C-alpha atoms as a PDB file:
ATOM      1  CA  MET A   1     102.050  94.993  77.133  1.00  0.00           C
ATOM      2  CA  ILE A   2     103.765  92.319  77.663  1.00  0.00           C
ATOM      3  CA  ILE A   3     107.383  90.953  78.489  1.00  0.00           C
ATOM      4  CA  LEU A   4     109.279  87.466  77.158  1.00  0.00           C
ATOM      5  CA  LYS A   5     111.122  85.499  78.227  1.00  0.00           C
ATOM      6  CA  ILE A   6     112.844  83.361  76.361  1.00  0.00           C
ATOM      7  CA  LEU A   7     114.627  79.256  77.759  1.00  0.00           C
ATOM      8  CA  ARG A   8     116.117  76.662  76.508  1.00  0.00           C
ATOM      9  CA  ARG A   9     113.734  73.110  77.051  1.00  0.00           C
ATOM     10  CA  ALA A  10     115.489  72.199  80.221  1.00  0.00           C
ATOM     11  CA  GLU A  11     115.463  75.559  82.015  1.00  0.00           C
ATOM     12  CA  TRP A  12     111.190  75.590  80.717  1.00  0.00           C
ATOM     13  CA  ASP A  13     110.710  71.886  82.022  1.00  0.00           C
ATOM     14  CA  ALA A  14     112.790  72.528  84.751  1.00  0.00           C
ATOM     15  CA  PHE A  15     110.567  75.735  85.824  1.00  0.00           C
ATOM     16  CA  SER A  16     107.249  73.713  85.119  1.00  0.00           C
ATOM     17  CA  ALA A  17     108.140  71.090  87.263  1.00  0.00           C
ATOM     18  CA  LYS A  18     108.808  72.967  90.371  1.00  0.00           C
ATOM     19  CA  GLY A  19     106.545  75.805  89.662  1.00  0.00           C
ATOM     20  CA  GLU A  20     109.312  78.583  90.089  1.00  0.00           C
ATOM     21  CA  THR A  21     113.057  79.517  89.227  1.00  0.00           C
ATOM     22  CA  ASN A  22     115.632  81.789  89.062  1.00  0.00           C
ATOM     23  CA  GLY A  23     116.848  81.876  86.059  1.00  0.00           C
ATOM     24  CA  ALA A  24     118.940  80.271  83.888  1.00  0.00           C
ATOM     25  CA  PRO A  25     122.555  80.067  84.418  1.00  0.00           C
ATOM     26  CA  VAL A  26     123.394  84.493  83.124  1.00  0.00           C
ATOM     27  CA  ASP A  27     119.950  84.784  85.536  1.00  0.00           C
ATOM     28  CA  LEU A  28     121.575  83.514  88.235  1.00  0.00           C
ATOM     29  CA  ALA A  29     125.148  85.346  87.225  1.00  0.00           C
ATOM     30  CA  ASP A  30     123.695  88.851  87.089  1.00  0.00           C
ATOM     31  CA  GLY A  31     121.148  88.706  90.563  1.00  0.00           C
ATOM     32  CA  TYR A  32     118.267  88.674  88.442  1.00  0.00           C
ATOM     33  CA  ILE A  33     115.899  86.939  86.197  1.00  0.00           C
ATOM     34  CA  HIS A  34     116.400  88.876  82.093  1.00  0.00           C
ATOM     35  CA  PHE A  35     113.205  89.520  80.059  1.00  0.00           C
ATOM     36  CA  SER A  36     112.664  91.742  76.470  1.00  0.00           C
ATOM     37  CA  THR A  37     110.362  93.739  75.040  1.00  0.00           C
ATOM     38  CA  PRO A  38     108.081  92.502  72.258  1.00  0.00           C
ATOM     39  CA  GLU A  39     110.525  94.897  69.611  1.00  0.00           C
ATOM     40  CA  GLN A  40     114.202  93.791  71.952  1.00  0.00           C
ATOM     41  CA  ALA A  41     113.627  90.065  71.621  1.00  0.00           C
ATOM     42  CA  ALA A  42     114.656  88.993  68.665  1.00  0.00           C
ATOM     43  CA  GLU A  43     117.734  91.122  69.141  1.00  0.00           C
ATOM     44  CA  THR A  44     117.921  88.969  72.827  1.00  0.00           C
ATOM     45  CA  ALA A  45     117.464  85.991  70.749  1.00  0.00           C
ATOM     46  CA  ALA A  46     120.464  86.781  67.749  1.00  0.00           C
ATOM     47  CA  LYS A  47     122.784  87.627  70.780  1.00  0.00           C
ATOM     48  CA  HIS A  48     122.246  85.146  73.356  1.00  0.00           C
ATOM     49  CA  PHE A  49     120.673  82.144  71.799  1.00  0.00           C
ATOM     50  CA  ALA A  50     121.866  82.149  67.892  1.00  0.00           C
ATOM     51  CA  GLY A  51     120.980  78.660  66.385  1.00  0.00           C
ATOM     52  CA  ALA A  52     119.743  77.246  69.400  1.00  0.00           C
ATOM     53  CA  PRO A  53     117.301  75.077  68.722  1.00  0.00           C
ATOM     54  CA  ASP A  54     114.234  74.035  70.887  1.00  0.00           C
ATOM     55  CA  LEU A  55     113.403  77.398  72.973  1.00  0.00           C
ATOM     56  CA  ILE A  56     110.258  77.986  74.472  1.00  0.00           C
ATOM     57  CA  LEU A  57     108.964  82.082  74.291  1.00  0.00           C
ATOM     58  CA  VAL A  58     107.410  82.638  77.816  1.00  0.00           C
ATOM     59  CA  GLY A  59     104.978  85.793  78.457  1.00  0.00           C
ATOM     60  CA  VAL A  60     104.628  87.690  81.248  1.00  0.00           C
ATOM     61  CA  ASP A  61     102.478  90.587  82.559  1.00  0.00           C
ATOM     62  CA  PRO A  62     104.720  92.917  83.941  1.00  0.00           C
ATOM     63  CA  GLN A  63     102.473  94.891  86.196  1.00  0.00           C
ATOM     64  CA  ALA A  64     101.723  91.557  88.135  1.00  0.00           C
ATOM     65  CA  LEU A  65     105.033  91.656  88.909  1.00  0.00           C
ATOM     66  CA  GLY A  66     104.809  94.393  91.273  1.00  0.00           C
ATOM     67  CA  ASP A  67     108.396  96.392  92.775  1.00  0.00           C
ATOM     68  CA  ALA A  68     110.473  93.603  91.745  1.00  0.00           C
ATOM     69  CA  LEU A  69     110.793  94.359  88.111  1.00  0.00           C
ATOM     70  CA  LYS A  70     113.043  96.974  87.367  1.00  0.00           C
ATOM     71  CA  TRP A  71     113.418  99.063  84.039  1.00  0.00           C
ATOM     72  CA  GLU A  72     117.454  99.150  83.760  1.00  0.00           C
ATOM     73  CA  PRO A  73     119.727 100.535  81.122  1.00  0.00           C
ATOM     74  CA  SER A  74     121.353  97.362  78.920  1.00  0.00           C
ATOM     75  CA  ARG A  75     122.446  97.539  75.488  1.00  0.00           C
ATOM     76  CA  GLY A  76     122.561 100.406  73.875  1.00  0.00           C
ATOM     77  CA  GLY A  77     121.329 102.484  77.122  1.00  0.00           C
ATOM     78  CA  ALA A  78     117.525 100.650  76.172  1.00  0.00           C
ATOM     79  CA  LEU A  79     115.627 100.169  79.669  1.00  0.00           C
ATOM     80  CA  PHE A  80     115.040  95.834  79.960  1.00  0.00           C
ATOM     81  CA  PRO A  81     112.960  94.483  82.354  1.00  0.00           C
ATOM     82  CA  HIS A  82     114.507  92.483  85.251  1.00  0.00           C
ATOM     83  CA  LEU A  83     113.469  90.695  87.844  1.00  0.00           C
ATOM     84  CA  TYR A  84     114.580  90.818  91.601  1.00  0.00           C
ATOM     85  CA  ARG A  85     112.870  87.190  92.548  1.00  0.00           C
ATOM     86  CA  ALA A  86     111.520  83.849  91.387  1.00  0.00           C
ATOM     87  CA  LEU A  87     109.600  83.596  88.341  1.00  0.00           C
ATOM     88  CA  ARG A  88     106.816  82.411  89.074  1.00  0.00           C
ATOM     89  CA  MET A  89     104.629  79.501  87.100  1.00  0.00           C
ATOM     90  CA  ALA A  90     101.475  82.311  87.870  1.00  0.00           C
ATOM     91  CA  ASP A  91     103.047  85.503  85.964  1.00  0.00           C
ATOM     92  CA  VAL A  92     103.247  83.299  83.557  1.00  0.00           C
ATOM     93  CA  LEU A  93     100.438  84.597  80.740  1.00  0.00           C
ATOM     94  CA  TRP A  94     101.476  82.270  77.847  1.00  0.00           C
ATOM     95  CA  HIS A  95     104.570  79.995  76.589  1.00  0.00           C
ATOM     96  CA  ARG A  96     105.028  78.719  72.579  1.00  0.00           C
ATOM     97  CA  PRO A  97     107.489  76.886  71.259  1.00  0.00           C
ATOM     98  CA  LEU A  98     110.167  79.518  68.941  1.00  0.00           C
ATOM     99  CA  PRO A  99     111.149  77.443  66.401  1.00  0.00           C
ATOM    100  CA  LEU A 100     114.604  78.266  64.633  1.00  0.00           C
ATOM    101  CA  GLY A 101     114.325  79.250  60.768  1.00  0.00           C
ATOM    102  CA  PRO A 102     117.211  79.029  58.053  1.00  0.00           C
ATOM    103  CA  ASP A 103     117.084  83.224  58.956  1.00  0.00           C
ATOM    104  CA  GLY A 104     116.702  82.862  63.157  1.00  0.00           C
ATOM    105  CA  HIS A 105     114.062  82.275  65.045  1.00  0.00           C
ATOM    106  CA  ILE A 106     110.498  82.602  64.035  1.00  0.00           C
ATOM    107  CA  PHE A 107     108.490  84.338  66.767  1.00  0.00           C
ATOM    108  CA  PRO A 108     104.854  84.271  67.271  1.00  0.00           C
ATOM    109  CA  LYS A 109     102.840  87.259  65.612  1.00  0.00           C
ATOM    110  CA  ASP A 110     100.704  87.813  68.664  1.00  0.00           C
ATOM    111  CA  THR A 111     103.441  88.893  71.624  1.00  0.00           C
ATOM    112  CA  GLN A 112     103.094  92.347  71.711  1.00  0.00           C
END
C-alpha cells in the first residue's frame, strides 16, 4: 500500500530544499499533514486543487511513518491518513508531476 500527498510546485521546491515539510497551509492550520489513498486522491485533487497546474504527486509508504500516522474519519466518514510530524524527504518513495488535463488531473496508473 502507498499513500499520496499532492503539493504545489513551490511547496515541493521548499520541501526538496529543506529536506522536510510540515505541509501546505491547510496542513499547518489543521496540525497534521493530509494524505489520501490512491482511491481517494482524485476526489482530493478535484476538491482542493481544481484547475491548479504544476502539481507534484508524492508517494509514501505508510508503514515507514510509524505511530505518527493516524487513520481518521473525514469526507463522508472515510478514513484518511494524517501525519502528526514533519514529512521528511527520506519518507518519500517517489514523486511525479500531476498534470492537469481537460477533465481534471491525470494520475499515473502505477500509484497503487
